[in-house]
Structure formats: structure tokens, C-alpha cells
PDB file of N, CA and C in Angstrom:
ATOM      1  N   MET A   1       1.052  -1.293   0.037  1.00  0.00           N
ATOM      2  CA  MET A   1       0.254  -0.249  -0.249  1.00  0.00           C
ATOM      3  C   MET A   1       1.017   1.356   0.168  1.00  0.00           C
ATOM      4  N   PRO A   2       0.655   2.242  -1.213  1.00  0.00           N
ATOM      5  CA  PRO A   2       1.507   3.571  -1.177  1.00  0.00           C
ATOM      6  C   PRO A   2       1.348   4.177   0.161  1.00  0.00           C
ATOM      7  N   THR A   3       2.589   4.583   0.952  1.00  0.00           N
ATOM      8  CA  THR A   3       2.600   5.612   1.734  1.00  0.00           C
ATOM      9  C   THR A   3       1.344   6.792   2.042  1.00  0.00           C
ATOM     10  N   LYS A   4       0.675   7.552   0.890  1.00  0.00           N
ATOM     11  CA  LYS A   4      -0.059   8.467   0.958  1.00  0.00           C
ATOM     12  C   LYS A   4      -1.560   7.806   1.193  1.00  0.00           C
ATOM     13  N   ILE A   5      -1.649   6.580   0.532  1.00  0.00           N
ATOM     14  CA  ILE A   5      -2.978   5.777   0.583  1.00  0.00           C
ATOM     15  C   ILE A   5      -3.092   5.064   2.490  1.00  0.00           C
ATOM     16  N   LYS A   6      -2.108   5.100   2.630  1.00  0.00           N
ATOM     17  CA  LYS A   6      -2.026   4.570   4.226  1.00  0.00           C
ATOM     18  C   LYS A   6      -2.489   5.292   5.162  1.00  0.00           C
ATOM     19  N   LYS A   7      -1.974   6.407   4.903  1.00  0.00           N
ATOM     20  CA  LYS A   7      -2.478   8.242   5.302  1.00  0.00           C
ATOM     21  C   LYS A   7      -3.698   8.462   5.586  1.00  0.00           C
ATOM     22  N   THR A   8      -4.641   7.843   4.625  1.00  0.00           N
ATOM     23  CA  THR A   8      -5.737   8.595   4.143  1.00  0.00           C
ATOM     24  C   THR A   8      -6.639   8.353   5.403  1.00  0.00           C
ATOM     25  N   LEU A   9      -7.457   9.300   6.000  1.00  0.00           N
ATOM     26  CA  LEU A   9      -7.925   9.162   7.265  1.00  0.00           C
ATOM     27  C   LEU A   9      -9.965   8.909   6.869  1.00  0.00           C
ATOM     28  N   VAL A  10      -9.655   7.680   7.574  1.00  0.00           N
ATOM     29  CA  VAL A  10     -11.068   7.109   8.025  1.00  0.00           C
ATOM     30  C   VAL A  10     -11.920   7.606   9.127  1.00  0.00           C
ATOM     31  N   GLN A  11     -13.480   7.494   8.685  1.00  0.00           N
ATOM     32  CA  GLN A  11     -14.287   8.142   9.874  1.00  0.00           C
ATOM     33  C   GLN A  11     -15.675   7.174   9.407  1.00  0.00           C
ATOM     34  N   LEU A  12     -16.690   7.331  10.417  1.00  0.00           N
ATOM     35  CA  LEU A  12     -17.761   6.296  10.338  1.00  0.00           C
ATOM     36  C   LEU A  12     -18.897   7.379   9.981  1.00  0.00           C
ATOM     37  N   ARG A  13     -19.740   7.270   9.151  1.00  0.00           N
ATOM     38  CA  ARG A  13     -21.069   7.796   9.239  1.00  0.00           C
ATOM     39  C   ARG A  13     -22.412   6.829   9.999  1.00  0.00           C
ATOM     40  N   ALA A  14     -22.142   7.691  11.034  1.00  0.00           N
ATOM     41  CA  ALA A  14     -23.484   7.233  12.051  1.00  0.00           C
ATOM     42  C   ALA A  14     -24.395   7.679  12.594  1.00  0.00           C
ATOM     43  N   ASP A  15     -25.733   7.628  12.654  1.00  0.00           N
ATOM     44  CA  ASP A  15     -26.890   8.307  12.701  1.00  0.00           C
ATOM     45  C   ASP A  15     -26.719   9.628  12.062  1.00  0.00           C
ATOM     46  N   GLY A  16     -26.199   9.109  10.928  1.00  0.00           N
ATOM     47  CA  GLY A  16     -26.364  10.446   9.620  1.00  0.00           C
ATOM     48  C   GLY A  16     -25.060  11.244  10.583  1.00  0.00           C
ATOM     49  N   VAL A  17     -24.297  11.156  10.798  1.00  0.00           N
ATOM     50  CA  VAL A  17     -23.030  12.241  11.485  1.00  0.00           C
ATOM     51  C   VAL A  17     -21.620  11.579  11.186  1.00  0.00           C
ATOM     52  N   GLN A  18     -20.932  12.018  10.794  1.00  0.00           N
ATOM     53  CA  GLN A  18     -19.539  11.752  10.256  1.00  0.00           C
ATOM     54  C   GLN A  18     -18.887  11.447  11.614  1.00  0.00           C
ATOM     55  N   THR A  19     -18.039  10.635  11.901  1.00  0.00           N
ATOM     56  CA  THR A  19     -17.603  10.410  13.180  1.00  0.00           C
ATOM     57  C   THR A  19     -16.398   9.857  13.192  1.00  0.00           C
ATOM     58  N   ASN A  20     -15.827   9.431  14.383  1.00  0.00           N
ATOM     59  CA  ASN A  20     -14.825   8.680  14.443  1.00  0.00           C
ATOM     60  C   ASN A  20     -14.855   7.316  15.166  1.00  0.00           C
ATOM     61  N   LEU A  21     -14.422   6.013  14.629  1.00  0.00           N
ATOM     62  CA  LEU A  21     -14.236   5.448  15.083  1.00  0.00           C
ATOM     63  C   LEU A  21     -13.395   5.015  16.605  1.00  0.00           C
ATOM     64  N   ASP A  22     -14.466   4.207  17.636  1.00  0.00           N
ATOM     65  CA  ASP A  22     -14.058   3.942  19.066  1.00  0.00           C
ATOM     66  C   ASP A  22     -13.188   2.633  19.364  1.00  0.00           C
ATOM     67  N   LYS A  23     -14.134   1.737  18.585  1.00  0.00           N
ATOM     68  CA  LYS A  23     -13.428   0.497  18.450  1.00  0.00           C
ATOM     69  C   LYS A  23     -14.364  -0.588  17.976  1.00  0.00           C
ATOM     70  N   ILE A  24     -13.782  -1.712  17.850  1.00  0.00           N
ATOM     71  CA  ILE A  24     -14.764  -2.958  17.149  1.00  0.00           C
ATOM     72  C   ILE A  24     -14.858  -3.878  18.259  1.00  0.00           C
ATOM     73  N   ALA A  25     -16.104  -3.766  18.426  1.00  0.00           N
ATOM     74  CA  ALA A  25     -17.197  -5.317  19.568  1.00  0.00           C
ATOM     75  C   ALA A  25     -17.655  -5.978  18.374  1.00  0.00           C
ATOM     76  N   THR A  26     -17.680  -7.051  19.099  1.00  0.00           N
ATOM     77  CA  THR A  26     -18.026  -8.363  18.404  1.00  0.00           C
ATOM     78  C   THR A  26     -19.322  -9.155  19.000  1.00  0.00           C
ATOM     79  N   ALA A  27     -20.490  -9.682  18.319  1.00  0.00           N
ATOM     80  CA  ALA A  27     -21.057 -10.281  18.934  1.00  0.00           C
ATOM     81  C   ALA A  27     -21.557 -11.579  17.855  1.00  0.00           C
ATOM     82  N   GLU A  28     -22.501 -12.476  18.513  1.00  0.00           N
ATOM     83  CA  GLU A  28     -23.074 -13.444  17.468  1.00  0.00           C
ATOM     84  C   GLU A  28     -24.395 -13.603  18.335  1.00  0.00           C
ATOM     85  N   ILE A  29     -25.186 -13.256  16.977  1.00  0.00           N
ATOM     86  CA  ILE A  29     -26.428 -12.794  17.219  1.00  0.00           C
ATOM     87  C   ILE A  29     -27.312 -14.530  15.981  1.00  0.00           C
ATOM     88  N   ASN A  30     -28.246 -15.265  17.067  1.00  0.00           N
ATOM     89  CA  ASN A  30     -28.767 -16.103  16.303  1.00  0.00           C
ATOM     90  C   ASN A  30     -27.626 -16.907  15.082  1.00  0.00           C
ATOM     91  N   ASP A  31     -26.486 -17.182  15.673  1.00  0.00           N
ATOM     92  CA  ASP A  31     -25.326 -17.584  15.009  1.00  0.00           C
ATOM     93  C   ASP A  31     -24.615 -17.193  13.788  1.00  0.00           C
ATOM     94  N   GLU A  32     -25.014 -16.039  13.534  1.00  0.00           N
ATOM     95  CA  GLU A  32     -24.695 -14.704  13.179  1.00  0.00           C
ATOM     96  C   GLU A  32     -23.695 -14.120  13.612  1.00  0.00           C
ATOM     97  N   ARG A  33     -21.749 -14.493  13.416  1.00  0.00           N
ATOM     98  CA  ARG A  33     -20.835 -13.707  13.591  1.00  0.00           C
ATOM     99  C   ARG A  33     -20.761 -12.337  13.254  1.00  0.00           C
ATOM    100  N   GLN A  34     -21.184 -11.149  14.242  1.00  0.00           N
ATOM    101  CA  GLN A  34     -20.717  -9.595  14.101  1.00  0.00           C
ATOM    102  C   GLN A  34     -19.538  -8.946  14.262  1.00  0.00           C
ATOM    103  N   ALA A  35     -19.148  -8.250  13.573  1.00  0.00           N
ATOM    104  CA  ALA A  35     -18.180  -7.064  13.866  1.00  0.00           C
ATOM    105  C   ALA A  35     -18.910  -5.816  13.859  1.00  0.00           C
ATOM    106  N   ILE A  36     -19.126  -5.203  15.100  1.00  0.00           N
ATOM    107  CA  ILE A  36     -19.575  -3.712  15.035  1.00  0.00           C
ATOM    108  C   ILE A  36     -18.685  -2.492  15.653  1.00  0.00           C
ATOM    109  N   LEU A  37     -18.820  -1.630  14.330  1.00  0.00           N
ATOM    110  CA  LEU A  37     -17.694  -0.707  14.419  1.00  0.00           C
ATOM    111  C   LEU A  37     -18.623   0.467  15.281  1.00  0.00           C
ATOM    112  N   VAL A  38     -17.827   0.873  16.305  1.00  0.00           N
ATOM    113  CA  VAL A  38     -18.721   1.678  17.253  1.00  0.00           C
ATOM    114  C   VAL A  38     -18.038   2.815  17.153  1.00  0.00           C
ATOM    115  N   PRO A  39     -18.595   3.959  17.274  1.00  0.00           N
ATOM    116  CA  PRO A  39     -18.170   5.662  16.638  1.00  0.00           C
ATOM    117  C   PRO A  39     -18.123   6.141  18.198  1.00  0.00           C
ATOM    118  N   LYS A  40     -17.435   7.230  18.057  1.00  0.00           N
ATOM    119  CA  LYS A  40     -16.673   8.079  19.070  1.00  0.00           C
ATOM    120  C   LYS A  40     -16.944   9.473  18.777  1.00  0.00           C
ATOM    121  N   THR A  41     -17.601  10.237  19.561  1.00  0.00           N
ATOM    122  CA  THR A  41     -17.249  11.635  19.291  1.00  0.00           C
ATOM    123  C   THR A  41     -16.123  12.597  19.632  1.00  0.00           C
ATOM    124  N   SER A  42     -15.115  12.186  20.243  1.00  0.00           N
ATOM    125  CA  SER A  42     -13.876  12.932  20.150  1.00  0.00           C
ATOM    126  C   SER A  42     -12.890  12.097  19.843  1.00  0.00           C
ATOM    127  N   GLY A  43     -11.885  12.975  20.016  1.00  0.00           N
ATOM    128  CA  GLY A  43     -10.606  12.396  19.809  1.00  0.00           C
ATOM    129  C   GLY A  43     -10.528  12.413  17.946  1.00  0.00           C
ATOM    130  N   HIS A  44      -9.422  11.801  17.691  1.00  0.00           N
ATOM    131  CA  HIS A  44      -8.821  11.660  16.145  1.00  0.00           C
ATOM    132  C   HIS A  44      -9.228  10.863  15.006  1.00  0.00           C
ATOM    133  N   PRO A  45      -9.169  11.015  13.711  1.00  0.00           N
ATOM    134  CA  PRO A  45      -9.930  10.071  12.652  1.00  0.00           C
ATOM    135  C   PRO A  45      -8.599   8.934  12.996  1.00  0.00           C
ATOM    136  N   LEU A  46      -8.880   7.571  12.556  1.00  0.00           N
ATOM    137  CA  LEU A  46      -8.140   6.846  12.633  1.00  0.00           C
ATOM    138  C   LEU A  46      -7.229   7.255  10.804  1.00  0.00           C
ATOM    139  N   HIS A  47      -5.729   6.153  10.634  1.00  0.00           N
ATOM    140  CA  HIS A  47      -5.325   6.234   9.281  1.00  0.00           C
ATOM    141  C   HIS A  47      -5.985   5.063   8.680  1.00  0.00           C
ATOM    142  N   LEU A  48      -5.896   4.815   7.357  1.00  0.00           N
ATOM    143  CA  LEU A  48      -6.510   3.574   6.730  1.00  0.00           C
ATOM    144  C   LEU A  48      -5.502   2.360   7.093  1.00  0.00           C
ATOM    145  N   TRP A  49      -4.170   2.619   7.480  1.00  0.00           N
ATOM    146  CA  TRP A  49      -3.167   1.724   8.119  1.00  0.00           C
ATOM    147  C   TRP A  49      -3.604   1.203   9.528  1.00  0.00           C
ATOM    148  N   GLU A  50      -4.021   2.254  10.178  1.00  0.00           N
ATOM    149  CA  GLU A  50      -4.385   1.705  11.683  1.00  0.00           C
ATOM    150  C   GLU A  50      -5.517   0.725  11.178  1.00  0.00           C
ATOM    151  N   LEU A  51      -6.770   1.022  10.575  1.00  0.00           N
ATOM    152  CA  LEU A  51      -8.400   0.433  10.063  1.00  0.00           C
ATOM    153  C   LEU A  51      -7.419  -1.004   9.963  1.00  0.00           C
ATOM    154  N   ALA A  52      -6.636  -1.032   9.005  1.00  0.00           N
ATOM    155  CA  ALA A  52      -6.352  -2.449   8.276  1.00  0.00           C
ATOM    156  C   ALA A  52      -5.949  -3.471   9.526  1.00  0.00           C
ATOM    157  N   VAL A  53      -5.250  -2.643  10.179  1.00  0.00           N
ATOM    158  CA  VAL A  53      -4.158  -3.475  10.871  1.00  0.00           C
ATOM    159  C   VAL A  53      -5.582  -3.582  12.530  1.00  0.00           C
ATOM    160  N   LEU A  54      -6.367  -3.081  12.798  1.00  0.00           N
ATOM    161  CA  LEU A  54      -7.181  -3.668  13.508  1.00  0.00           C
ATOM    162  C   LEU A  54      -8.796  -4.568  12.921  1.00  0.00           C
ATOM    163  N   LEU A  55      -8.566  -4.514  11.508  1.00  0.00           N
ATOM    164  CA  LEU A  55      -9.243  -5.689  11.261  1.00  0.00           C
ATOM    165  C   LEU A  55      -8.740  -6.761  10.906  1.00  0.00           C
ATOM    166  N   ASP A  56      -7.494  -6.827  10.907  1.00  0.00           N
ATOM    167  CA  ASP A  56      -6.654  -7.901  10.454  1.00  0.00           C
ATOM    168  C   ASP A  56      -6.776  -8.968  11.011  1.00  0.00           C
ATOM    169  N   LYS A  57      -7.537  -9.382  11.942  1.00  0.00           N
ATOM    170  CA  LYS A  57      -7.251 -10.446  12.683  1.00  0.00           C
ATOM    171  C   LYS A  57      -8.323 -11.740  12.505  1.00  0.00           C
ATOM    172  N   PRO A  58      -7.452 -12.975  13.009  1.00  0.00           N
ATOM    173  CA  PRO A  58      -8.255 -14.180  12.199  1.00  0.00           C
ATOM    174  C   PRO A  58      -9.959 -14.246  12.703  1.00  0.00           C
ATOM    175  N   GLU A  59     -10.204 -14.075  13.936  1.00  0.00           N
ATOM    176  CA  GLU A  59     -11.467 -13.916  14.536  1.00  0.00           C
ATOM    177  C   GLU A  59     -12.214 -12.771  13.981  1.00  0.00           C
ATOM    178  N   LEU A  60     -12.039 -11.800  13.115  1.00  0.00           N
ATOM    179  CA  LEU A  60     -12.949 -10.825  12.725  1.00  0.00           C
ATOM    180  C   LEU A  60     -12.927 -11.206  11.066  1.00  0.00           C
ATOM    181  N   ARG A  61     -11.951 -11.887  10.408  1.00  0.00           N
ATOM    182  CA  ARG A  61     -12.275 -12.227   9.365  1.00  0.00           C
ATOM    183  C   ARG A  61     -13.565 -13.013   8.280  1.00  0.00           C
ATOM    184  N   THR A  62     -14.449 -13.869   9.161  1.00  0.00           N
ATOM    185  CA  THR A  62     -15.475 -14.065   8.978  1.00  0.00           C
ATOM    186  C   THR A  62     -17.211 -13.641   9.490  1.00  0.00           C
ATOM    187  N   ARG A  63     -16.677 -12.429   9.923  1.00  0.00           N
ATOM    188  CA  ARG A  63     -18.307 -11.990  10.336  1.00  0.00           C
ATOM    189  C   ARG A  63     -18.345 -10.900   9.739  1.00  0.00           C
ATOM    190  N   TYR A  64     -19.428 -10.287  10.021  1.00  0.00           N
ATOM    191  CA  TYR A  64     -20.840  -9.614   8.760  1.00  0.00           C
ATOM    192  C   TYR A  64     -20.174  -7.977   9.626  1.00  0.00           C
ATOM    193  N   LEU A  65     -20.056  -7.303   8.925  1.00  0.00           N
ATOM    194  CA  LEU A  65     -19.210  -5.795   9.644  1.00  0.00           C
ATOM    195  C   LEU A  65     -20.933  -4.999   9.532  1.00  0.00           C
ATOM    196  N   TYR A  66     -20.876  -4.157  10.615  1.00  0.00           N
ATOM    197  CA  TYR A  66     -22.212  -3.417  11.291  1.00  0.00           C
ATOM    198  C   TYR A  66     -21.643  -2.386  11.897  1.00  0.00           C
ATOM    199  N   VAL A  67     -22.604  -1.060  11.772  1.00  0.00           N
ATOM    200  CA  VAL A  67     -22.095   0.449  12.662  1.00  0.00           C
ATOM    201  C   VAL A  67     -23.182   0.477  13.226  1.00  0.00           C
ATOM    202  N   GLN A  68     -22.663   0.720  14.922  1.00  0.00           N
ATOM    203  CA  GLN A  68     -23.383   0.853  16.052  1.00  0.00           C
ATOM    204  C   GLN A  68     -23.988   2.385  15.966  1.00  0.00           C
ATOM    205  N   GLU A  69     -24.843   2.598  16.038  1.00  0.00           N
ATOM    206  CA  GLU A  69     -26.036   3.375  15.988  1.00  0.00           C
ATOM    207  C   GLU A  69     -26.718   3.644  17.185  1.00  0.00           C
ATOM    208  N   LYS A  70     -27.481   5.255  17.544  1.00  0.00           N
ATOM    209  CA  LYS A  70     -28.797   5.059  18.711  1.00  0.00           C
ATOM    210  C   LYS A  70     -29.723   3.760  18.617  1.00  0.00           C
ATOM    211  N   ALA A  71     -30.186   3.633  17.224  1.00  0.00           N
ATOM    212  CA  ALA A  71     -31.528   3.027  17.438  1.00  0.00           C
ATOM    213  C   ALA A  71     -30.928   1.428  17.070  1.00  0.00           C
ATOM    214  N   GLY A  72     -29.660   1.234  17.312  1.00  0.00           N
ATOM    215  CA  GLY A  72     -29.466  -0.220  16.971  1.00  0.00           C
ATOM    216  C   GLY A  72     -28.338  -0.466  16.318  1.00  0.00           C
ATOM    217  N   LYS A  73     -27.715  -1.513  15.699  1.00  0.00           N
ATOM    218  CA  LYS A  73     -26.827  -1.437  14.860  1.00  0.00           C
ATOM    219  C   LYS A  73     -27.182  -1.832  13.231  1.00  0.00           C
ATOM    220  N   ARG A  74     -26.321  -1.741  12.337  1.00  0.00           N
ATOM    221  CA  ARG A  74     -27.141  -1.292  10.637  1.00  0.00           C
ATOM    222  C   ARG A  74     -25.851  -2.232  10.166  1.00  0.00           C
ATOM    223  N   PRO A  75     -26.789  -3.157   9.299  1.00  0.00           N
ATOM    224  CA  PRO A  75     -25.241  -3.557   8.142  1.00  0.00           C
ATOM    225  C   PRO A  75     -24.182  -2.427   7.607  1.00  0.00           C
ATOM    226  N   LEU A  76     -23.174  -2.850   7.259  1.00  0.00           N
ATOM    227  CA  LEU A  76     -21.912  -1.848   6.590  1.00  0.00           C
ATOM    228  C   LEU A  76     -22.532  -2.178   5.363  1.00  0.00           C
ATOM    229  N   PHE A  77     -22.847  -0.681   4.433  1.00  0.00           N
ATOM    230  CA  PHE A  77     -23.177  -0.593   3.069  1.00  0.00           C
ATOM    231  C   PHE A  77     -22.086  -0.640   2.087  1.00  0.00           C
ATOM    232  N   GLY A  78     -20.683   0.473   3.143  1.00  0.00           N
ATOM    233  CA  GLY A  78     -19.685   0.670   1.436  1.00  0.00           C
ATOM    234  C   GLY A  78     -18.991   1.867   2.172  1.00  0.00           C
ATOM    235  N   PHE A  79     -18.465   2.589   1.364  1.00  0.00           N
ATOM    236  CA  PHE A  79     -17.532   3.735   2.099  1.00  0.00           C
ATOM    237  C   PHE A  79     -17.771   4.545   0.736  1.00  0.00           C
ATOM    238  N   GLN A  80     -17.087   6.210   1.029  1.00  0.00           N
ATOM    239  CA  GLN A  80     -17.227   6.942  -0.248  1.00  0.00           C
ATOM    240  C   GLN A  80     -16.398   7.941   0.411  1.00  0.00           C
ATOM    241  N   GLN A  81     -15.246   9.112  -0.410  1.00  0.00           N
ATOM    242  CA  GLN A  81     -14.579   9.589  -0.320  1.00  0.00           C
ATOM    243  C   GLN A  81     -15.254  11.079  -0.120  1.00  0.00           C
ATOM    244  N   VAL A  82     -14.691  11.421   0.900  1.00  0.00           N
ATOM    245  CA  VAL A  82     -15.784  12.720   1.537  1.00  0.00           C
ATOM    246  C   VAL A  82     -14.501  14.099   2.032  1.00  0.00           C
ATOM    247  N   ALA A  83     -14.161  14.774   1.220  1.00  0.00           N
ATOM    248  CA  ALA A  83     -13.425  16.027   1.689  1.00  0.00           C
ATOM    249  C   ALA A  83     -11.867  15.273   2.038  1.00  0.00           C
ATOM    250  N   ASN A  84     -11.318  14.333   0.995  1.00  0.00           N
ATOM    251  CA  ASN A  84      -9.963  13.664   1.615  1.00  0.00           C
ATOM    252  C   ASN A  84     -10.211  12.813   2.879  1.00  0.00           C
ATOM    253  N   VAL A  85     -11.340  12.509   3.449  1.00  0.00           N
ATOM    254  CA  VAL A  85     -11.625  11.597   4.328  1.00  0.00           C
ATOM    255  C   VAL A  85     -12.421  10.073   3.835  1.00  0.00           C
ATOM    256  N   LEU A  86     -12.008   8.744   4.240  1.00  0.00           N
ATOM    257  CA  LEU A  86     -12.557   7.919   3.415  1.00  0.00           C
ATOM    258  C   LEU A  86     -13.672   7.339   4.883  1.00  0.00           C
ATOM    259  N   VAL A  87     -14.979   7.808   4.360  1.00  0.00           N
ATOM    260  CA  VAL A  87     -16.026   7.488   5.382  1.00  0.00           C
ATOM    261  C   VAL A  87     -16.719   5.832   5.066  1.00  0.00           C
ATOM    262  N   ILE A  88     -16.672   5.209   6.108  1.00  0.00           N
ATOM    263  CA  ILE A  88     -17.424   3.914   5.817  1.00  0.00           C
ATOM    264  C   ILE A  88     -18.971   4.334   6.572  1.00  0.00           C
ATOM    265  N   ASN A  89     -20.029   4.093   5.349  1.00  0.00           N
ATOM    266  CA  ASN A  89     -21.416   4.025   5.643  1.00  0.00           C
ATOM    267  C   ASN A  89     -22.039   2.739   6.086  1.00  0.00           C
TER     268      ASN A  89
END
């Protein structure tokens, strides 16, 4: 991964707001293994290389991805580039 790409900032869209990633929680609901991206309101956004390190764990590789919102979690839809930040939707 080229250095410029590694340094790309990454944020989440949760509850319609662009926010930073706090942690990745795990759950198993009805035999579905889930990895849940939990937002935080403060701090700094992660760089793409930091997100890659967080997700590169064998126990996360076979899980469905979700984003935690106030009303509950929702499936991860994709990502988009917004003002030089990669936003996970």
C-alpha cells in the first residue's frame, strides 16, 4: 500500500453524522458472527493503515460488519471519499 494511501483518514457515518471509530466490538446473534464498528465523538480519525491493522485479525475475518447507531446496529453498506476522508457507511 503506497504511503499516501496508508495515511488516508477514515471515519464512520453513524446516525447521519461523520464521526471517528472508537473500537470494534463482536457479537453472535442467531449464529451470525458480527463485528460492530462503534463510533466516538471525540479524538482523532484513524488512518487507513490503522484500520487495516484493527481488522486484520483471524477472529474478525468471517464476521459480518455493522455500524453501531443510537437505534441499534445496521449493516455496513460501503464507503465513499468525502473531503479527503474515507467514510464508512
